[in-house]
Amino acid sequence: MKTWIKTAVAAAVAATVGFAAPVAIAGGGGGWHGMHGGMHGMKHRMDPEAMSARANQRLAKLQEALALRPEQRPTWEAFSAAMRSRAEKAAEQMQSMRAGERPLTALERMERMETFAERRLESMREMHAAAAKLYDVLDAPQKKTFDEQFHVGGPRQRRDGQQRQGRMERFPAPTPAS
């Protein structure tokens, strides 16, 4: 590559970084407000009633797909109660986050993020325990259906309405060597 082309490319990269860095540092890089309104732009998705309705809809769809037998129903009821409780807690957490004052310092923000992460981990552990109990009473075809249709946090949708490929599908587990 000619020297003048290298110089031009380097100058363009430096200019781009030079213009983008102050915006990112000032918080325009996706912090609290982020692109498209950040947390404020997500208010419509965090409405507690809407979250509860979506959770109930997903549970009903999963229950129908599993075609549970009568002896499996008590375990399903315990599982669905745990999932509804989890959805309610998540909605309450979102409401408290929205209603609370915005942390001013970086350390306050990190502390708040730690608190939310701890709550989420506790919730995940409760959900895991409830799902494990249900999974134990399912037969092989039901387990396959559960594996395909149960998504932690709900199904992942792209903006065009198509199912978004999850991490496990993009990066499948390696097959054992024979």
C-alpha atoms as a PDB file:
ATOM      1  CA  MET A   1       0.000   0.000   0.000  1.00  0.00           C
ATOM      2  CA  LYS A   2       1.293   3.424  -0.844  1.00  0.00           C
ATOM      3  CA  THR A   3       2.440   5.675   1.979  1.00  0.00           C
ATOM      4  CA  TRP A   4      -0.071   8.442   1.235  1.00  0.00           C
ATOM      5  CA  ILE A   5      -2.978   5.922   1.394  1.00  0.00           C
ATOM      6  CA  LYS A   6      -1.765   4.613   4.755  1.00  0.00           C
ATOM      7  CA  THR A   7      -1.499   8.160   6.040  1.00  0.00           C
ATOM      8  CA  ALA A   8      -5.008   9.015   4.822  1.00  0.00           C
ATOM      9  CA  VAL A   9      -6.510   5.879   6.395  1.00  0.00           C
ATOM     10  CA  ALA A  10      -4.703   6.523   9.698  1.00  0.00           C
ATOM     11  CA  ALA A  11      -5.924  10.140   9.707  1.00  0.00           C
ATOM     12  CA  ALA A  12      -9.509   9.050   9.036  1.00  0.00           C
ATOM     13  CA  VAL A  13      -9.410   6.496  11.859  1.00  0.00           C
ATOM     14  CA  ALA A  14      -7.871   9.025  14.246  1.00  0.00           C
ATOM     15  CA  ALA A  15     -10.512  11.621  13.347  1.00  0.00           C
ATOM     16  CA  THR A  16     -13.327   9.139  13.861  1.00  0.00           C
ATOM     17  CA  VAL A  17     -12.001   8.076  17.251  1.00  0.00           C
ATOM     18  CA  GLY A  18     -11.347  11.696  18.171  1.00  0.00           C
ATOM     19  CA  PHE A  19     -14.936  12.700  17.443  1.00  0.00           C
ATOM     20  CA  ALA A  20     -16.554   9.600  18.986  1.00  0.00           C
ATOM     21  CA  ALA A  21     -14.584   9.464  22.246  1.00  0.00           C
ATOM     22  CA  PRO A  22     -16.020  12.636  23.855  1.00  0.00           C
ATOM     23  CA  VAL A  23     -19.549  11.492  23.030  1.00  0.00           C
ATOM     24  CA  ALA A  24     -18.956   8.055  24.594  1.00  0.00           C
ATOM     25  CA  ILE A  25     -17.280   9.564  27.654  1.00  0.00           C
ATOM     26  CA  ALA A  26     -20.086  12.085  28.102  1.00  0.00           C
ATOM     27  CA  GLY A  27     -22.611   9.265  28.266  1.00  0.00           C
ATOM     28  CA  GLY A  28     -23.847   9.263  24.699  1.00  0.00           C
ATOM     29  CA  GLY A  29     -22.336   5.835  24.125  1.00  0.00           C
ATOM     30  CA  GLY A  30     -25.238   3.918  25.582  1.00  0.00           C
ATOM     31  CA  GLY A  31     -25.164   4.638  29.328  1.00  0.00           C
ATOM     32  CA  TRP A  32     -28.374   5.438  31.190  1.00  0.00           C
ATOM     33  CA  HIS A  33     -30.095   7.047  28.233  1.00  0.00           C
ATOM     34  CA  GLY A  34     -28.277   5.142  25.511  1.00  0.00           C
ATOM     35  CA  MET A  35     -29.321   4.852  21.953  1.00  0.00           C
ATOM     36  CA  HIS A  36     -33.068   5.066  21.286  1.00  0.00           C
ATOM     37  CA  GLY A  37     -33.790   6.307  24.809  1.00  0.00           C
ATOM     38  CA  GLY A  38     -32.143   3.506  26.795  1.00  0.00           C
ATOM     39  CA  MET A  39     -34.099   2.649  29.931  1.00  0.00           C
ATOM     40  CA  HIS A  40     -36.579   5.439  29.257  1.00  0.00           C
ATOM     41  CA  GLY A  41     -37.216   4.077  25.773  1.00  0.00           C
ATOM     42  CA  MET A  42     -38.045   0.677  27.278  1.00  0.00           C
ATOM     43  CA  LYS A  43     -40.852   1.881  29.571  1.00  0.00           C
ATOM     44  CA  HIS A  44     -43.504   0.389  27.351  1.00  0.00           C
ATOM     45  CA  ARG A  45     -41.878  -3.033  27.681  1.00  0.00           C
ATOM     46  CA  MET A  46     -41.577  -2.832  31.470  1.00  0.00           C
ATOM     47  CA  ASP A  47     -45.177  -2.116  32.361  1.00  0.00           C
ATOM     48  CA  PRO A  48     -45.939  -4.548  35.238  1.00  0.00           C
ATOM     49  CA  GLU A  49     -49.333  -5.557  33.897  1.00  0.00           C
ATOM     50  CA  ALA A  50     -47.936  -6.145  30.427  1.00  0.00           C
ATOM     51  CA  MET A  51     -45.020  -8.151  31.836  1.00  0.00           C
ATOM     52  CA  SER A  52     -47.442 -10.296  33.834  1.00  0.00           C
ATOM     53  CA  ALA A  53     -49.687 -10.827  30.823  1.00  0.00           C
ATOM     54  CA  ARG A  54     -46.719 -11.859  28.651  1.00  0.00           C
ATOM     55  CA  ALA A  55     -45.496 -14.268  31.328  1.00  0.00           C
ATOM     56  CA  ASN A  56     -48.949 -15.848  31.609  1.00  0.00           C
ATOM     57  CA  GLN A  57     -49.203 -16.118  27.831  1.00  0.00           C
ATOM     58  CA  ARG A  58     -45.803 -17.837  27.562  1.00  0.00           C
ATOM     59  CA  LEU A  59     -46.682 -20.226  30.402  1.00  0.00           C
ATOM     60  CA  ALA A  60     -49.995 -21.140  28.790  1.00  0.00           C
ATOM     61  CA  LYS A  61     -48.278 -21.792  25.465  1.00  0.00           C
ATOM     62  CA  LEU A  62     -45.633 -23.964  27.147  1.00  0.00           C
ATOM     63  CA  GLN A  63     -48.236 -25.887  29.138  1.00  0.00           C
ATOM     64  CA  GLU A  64     -50.201 -26.607  25.978  1.00  0.00           C
ATOM     65  CA  ALA A  65     -47.083 -27.726  24.115  1.00  0.00           C
ATOM     66  CA  LEU A  66     -46.026 -30.058  26.936  1.00  0.00           C
ATOM     67  CA  ALA A  67     -49.393 -31.879  26.976  1.00  0.00           C
ATOM     68  CA  LEU A  68     -49.052 -32.643  30.676  1.00  0.00           C
ATOM     69  CA  ARG A  69     -50.544 -35.744  32.238  1.00  0.00           C
ATOM     70  CA  PRO A  70     -52.689 -35.420  35.394  1.00  0.00           C
ATOM     71  CA  GLU A  71     -49.905 -36.661  37.692  1.00  0.00           C
ATOM     72  CA  GLN A  72     -47.598 -33.915  36.328  1.00  0.00           C
ATOM     73  CA  ARG A  73     -50.034 -31.063  37.014  1.00  0.00           C
ATOM     74  CA  PRO A  74     -49.063 -30.389  40.673  1.00  0.00           C
ATOM     75  CA  THR A  75     -45.413 -29.978  39.663  1.00  0.00           C
ATOM     76  CA  TRP A  76     -46.485 -27.732  36.781  1.00  0.00           C
ATOM     77  CA  GLU A  77     -48.554 -25.580  39.157  1.00  0.00           C
ATOM     78  CA  ALA A  78     -45.547 -25.125  41.458  1.00  0.00           C
ATOM     79  CA  PHE A  79     -43.355 -24.262  38.453  1.00  0.00           C
ATOM     80  CA  SER A  80     -45.832 -21.770  36.989  1.00  0.00           C
ATOM     81  CA  ALA A  81     -46.349 -20.130  40.413  1.00  0.00           C
ATOM     82  CA  ALA A  82     -42.572 -19.676  40.701  1.00  0.00           C
ATOM     83  CA  MET A  83     -42.419 -18.182  37.190  1.00  0.00           C
ATOM     84  CA  ARG A  84     -45.289 -15.781  37.941  1.00  0.00           C
ATOM     85  CA  SER A  85     -43.605 -14.757  41.198  1.00  0.00           C
ATOM     86  CA  ARG A  86     -40.376 -14.143  39.303  1.00  0.00           C
ATOM     87  CA  ALA A  87     -42.195 -11.961  36.753  1.00  0.00           C
ATOM     88  CA  GLU A  88     -43.840  -9.960  39.545  1.00  0.00           C
ATOM     89  CA  LYS A  89     -40.498  -9.414  41.284  1.00  0.00           C
ATOM     90  CA  ALA A  90     -38.916  -8.296  38.013  1.00  0.00           C
ATOM     91  CA  ALA A  91     -41.756  -5.830  37.411  1.00  0.00           C
ATOM     92  CA  GLU A  92     -41.427  -4.479  40.955  1.00  0.00           C
ATOM     93  CA  GLN A  93     -37.682  -4.081  40.500  1.00  0.00           C
ATOM     94  CA  MET A  94     -38.192  -2.174  37.251  1.00  0.00           C
ATOM     95  CA  GLN A  95     -40.772   0.059  38.911  1.00  0.00           C
ATOM     96  CA  SER A  96     -38.463   0.820  41.834  1.00  0.00           C
ATOM     97  CA  MET A  97     -35.610   1.523  39.445  1.00  0.00           C
ATOM     98  CA  ARG A  98     -37.765   3.925  37.450  1.00  0.00           C
ATOM     99  CA  ALA A  99     -39.236   5.604  40.520  1.00  0.00           C
ATOM    100  CA  GLY A 100     -35.936   5.906  42.383  1.00  0.00           C
ATOM    101  CA  GLU A 101     -33.435   8.642  41.982  1.00  0.00           C
ATOM    102  CA  ARG A 102     -30.793   8.179  39.357  1.00  0.00           C
ATOM    103  CA  PRO A 103     -27.377   7.503  40.913  1.00  0.00           C
ATOM    104  CA  LEU A 104     -25.051  10.437  40.396  1.00  0.00           C
ATOM    105  CA  THR A 105     -21.606   8.963  40.853  1.00  0.00           C
ATOM    106  CA  ALA A 106     -19.939   6.062  39.098  1.00  0.00           C
ATOM    107  CA  LEU A 107     -19.572   4.233  42.417  1.00  0.00           C
ATOM    108  CA  GLU A 108     -23.290   4.647  43.185  1.00  0.00           C
ATOM    109  CA  ARG A 109     -24.156   3.302  39.734  1.00  0.00           C
ATOM    110  CA  MET A 110     -21.868   0.306  40.213  1.00  0.00           C
ATOM    111  CA  GLU A 111     -23.356  -0.374  43.650  1.00  0.00           C
ATOM    112  CA  ARG A 112     -26.844  -0.242  42.189  1.00  0.00           C
ATOM    113  CA  MET A 113     -25.832  -2.589  39.365  1.00  0.00           C
ATOM    114  CA  GLU A 114     -24.368  -5.026  41.922  1.00  0.00           C
ATOM    115  CA  THR A 115     -27.599  -4.967  43.924  1.00  0.00           C
ATOM    116  CA  PHE A 116     -29.695  -5.644  40.836  1.00  0.00           C
ATOM    117  CA  ALA A 117     -27.307  -8.401  39.717  1.00  0.00           C
ATOM    118  CA  GLU A 118     -27.552 -10.094  43.138  1.00  0.00           C
ATOM    119  CA  ARG A 119     -31.351  -9.979  43.003  1.00  0.00           C
ATOM    120  CA  ARG A 120     -31.332 -11.366  39.477  1.00  0.00           C
ATOM    121  CA  LEU A 121     -28.986 -14.195  40.478  1.00  0.00           C
ATOM    122  CA  GLU A 122     -31.232 -15.081  43.430  1.00  0.00           C
ATOM    123  CA  SER A 123     -34.227 -15.085  41.094  1.00  0.00           C
ATOM    124  CA  MET A 124     -32.367 -17.244  38.571  1.00  0.00           C
ATOM    125  CA  ARG A 125     -31.518 -19.782  41.278  1.00  0.00           C
ATOM    126  CA  GLU A 126     -35.175 -19.973  42.367  1.00  0.00           C
ATOM    127  CA  MET A 127     -36.261 -20.407  38.753  1.00  0.00           C
ATOM    128  CA  HIS A 128     -33.618 -23.085  38.174  1.00  0.00           C
ATOM    129  CA  ALA A 129     -34.832 -25.066  41.190  1.00  0.00           C
ATOM    130  CA  ALA A 130     -38.468 -24.875  40.054  1.00  0.00           C
ATOM    131  CA  ALA A 131     -37.570 -25.829  36.467  1.00  0.00           C
ATOM    132  CA  ALA A 132     -35.439 -28.763  37.673  1.00  0.00           C
ATOM    133  CA  LYS A 133     -38.383 -30.191  39.666  1.00  0.00           C
ATOM    134  CA  LEU A 134     -40.647 -29.949  36.632  1.00  0.00           C
ATOM    135  CA  TYR A 135     -37.988 -31.338  34.310  1.00  0.00           C
ATOM    136  CA  ASP A 136     -37.641 -34.409  36.546  1.00  0.00           C
ATOM    137  CA  VAL A 137     -41.283 -35.421  36.012  1.00  0.00           C
ATOM    138  CA  LEU A 138     -41.298 -34.890  32.222  1.00  0.00           C
ATOM    139  CA  ASP A 139     -40.798 -37.736  29.784  1.00  0.00           C
ATOM    140  CA  ALA A 140     -38.235 -37.567  26.954  1.00  0.00           C
ATOM    141  CA  PRO A 141     -40.487 -35.908  24.314  1.00  0.00           C
ATOM    142  CA  GLN A 142     -41.723 -33.383  26.886  1.00  0.00           C
ATOM    143  CA  LYS A 143     -38.149 -32.598  27.912  1.00  0.00           C
ATOM    144  CA  LYS A 144     -37.300 -31.956  24.276  1.00  0.00           C
ATOM    145  CA  THR A 145     -40.296 -29.622  23.967  1.00  0.00           C
ATOM    146  CA  PHE A 146     -39.342 -27.849  27.200  1.00  0.00           C
ATOM    147  CA  ASP A 147     -35.759 -27.419  25.992  1.00  0.00           C
ATOM    148  CA  GLU A 148     -36.953 -25.909  22.716  1.00  0.00           C
ATOM    149  CA  GLN A 149     -39.700 -23.657  24.059  1.00  0.00           C
ATOM    150  CA  PHE A 150     -38.623 -22.486  27.501  1.00  0.00           C
ATOM    151  CA  HIS A 151     -36.524 -19.357  27.232  1.00  0.00           C
ATOM    152  CA  VAL A 152     -35.179 -17.620  30.299  1.00  0.00           C
ATOM    153  CA  GLY A 153     -36.458 -14.064  30.148  1.00  0.00           C
ATOM    154  CA  GLY A 154     -38.857 -14.883  27.328  1.00  0.00           C
ATOM    155  CA  PRO A 155     -38.340 -15.531  23.657  1.00  0.00           C
ATOM    156  CA  ARG A 156     -35.850 -13.413  21.788  1.00  0.00           C
ATOM    157  CA  GLN A 157     -37.481 -11.499  18.968  1.00  0.00           C
ATOM    158  CA  ARG A 158     -35.849  -9.481  16.257  1.00  0.00           C
ATOM    159  CA  ARG A 159     -37.402  -6.239  15.111  1.00  0.00           C
ATOM    160  CA  ASP A 160     -38.768  -7.938  12.008  1.00  0.00           C
ATOM    161  CA  GLY A 161     -40.704 -10.376  14.211  1.00  0.00           C
ATOM    162  CA  GLN A 162     -38.540 -13.393  13.468  1.00  0.00           C
ATOM    163  CA  GLN A 163     -37.170 -15.511  16.298  1.00  0.00           C
ATOM    164  CA  ARG A 164     -33.661 -14.348  17.098  1.00  0.00           C
ATOM    165  CA  GLN A 165     -31.015 -17.010  17.266  1.00  0.00           C
ATOM    166  CA  GLY A 166     -29.878 -17.557  20.841  1.00  0.00           C
ATOM    167  CA  ARG A 167     -26.295 -17.906  21.992  1.00  0.00           C
ATOM    168  CA  MET A 168     -26.570 -21.689  22.221  1.00  0.00           C
ATOM    169  CA  GLU A 169     -27.655 -21.960  18.581  1.00  0.00           C
ATOM    170  CA  ARG A 170     -24.957 -19.586  17.343  1.00  0.00           C
ATOM    171  CA  PHE A 171     -22.241 -21.338  19.307  1.00  0.00           C
ATOM    172  CA  PRO A 172     -23.329 -24.962  19.685  1.00  0.00           C
ATOM    173  CA  ALA A 173     -21.506 -27.176  22.121  1.00  0.00           C
ATOM    174  CA  PRO A 174     -18.650 -29.099  20.542  1.00  0.00           C
ATOM    175  CA  THR A 175     -19.424 -32.687  19.677  1.00  0.00           C
ATOM    176  CA  PRO A 176     -17.408 -35.260  21.604  1.00  0.00           C
ATOM    177  CA  ALA A 177     -14.526 -36.816  19.697  1.00  0.00           C
ATOM    178  CA  SER A 178     -15.020 -40.469  18.887  1.00  0.00           C
END
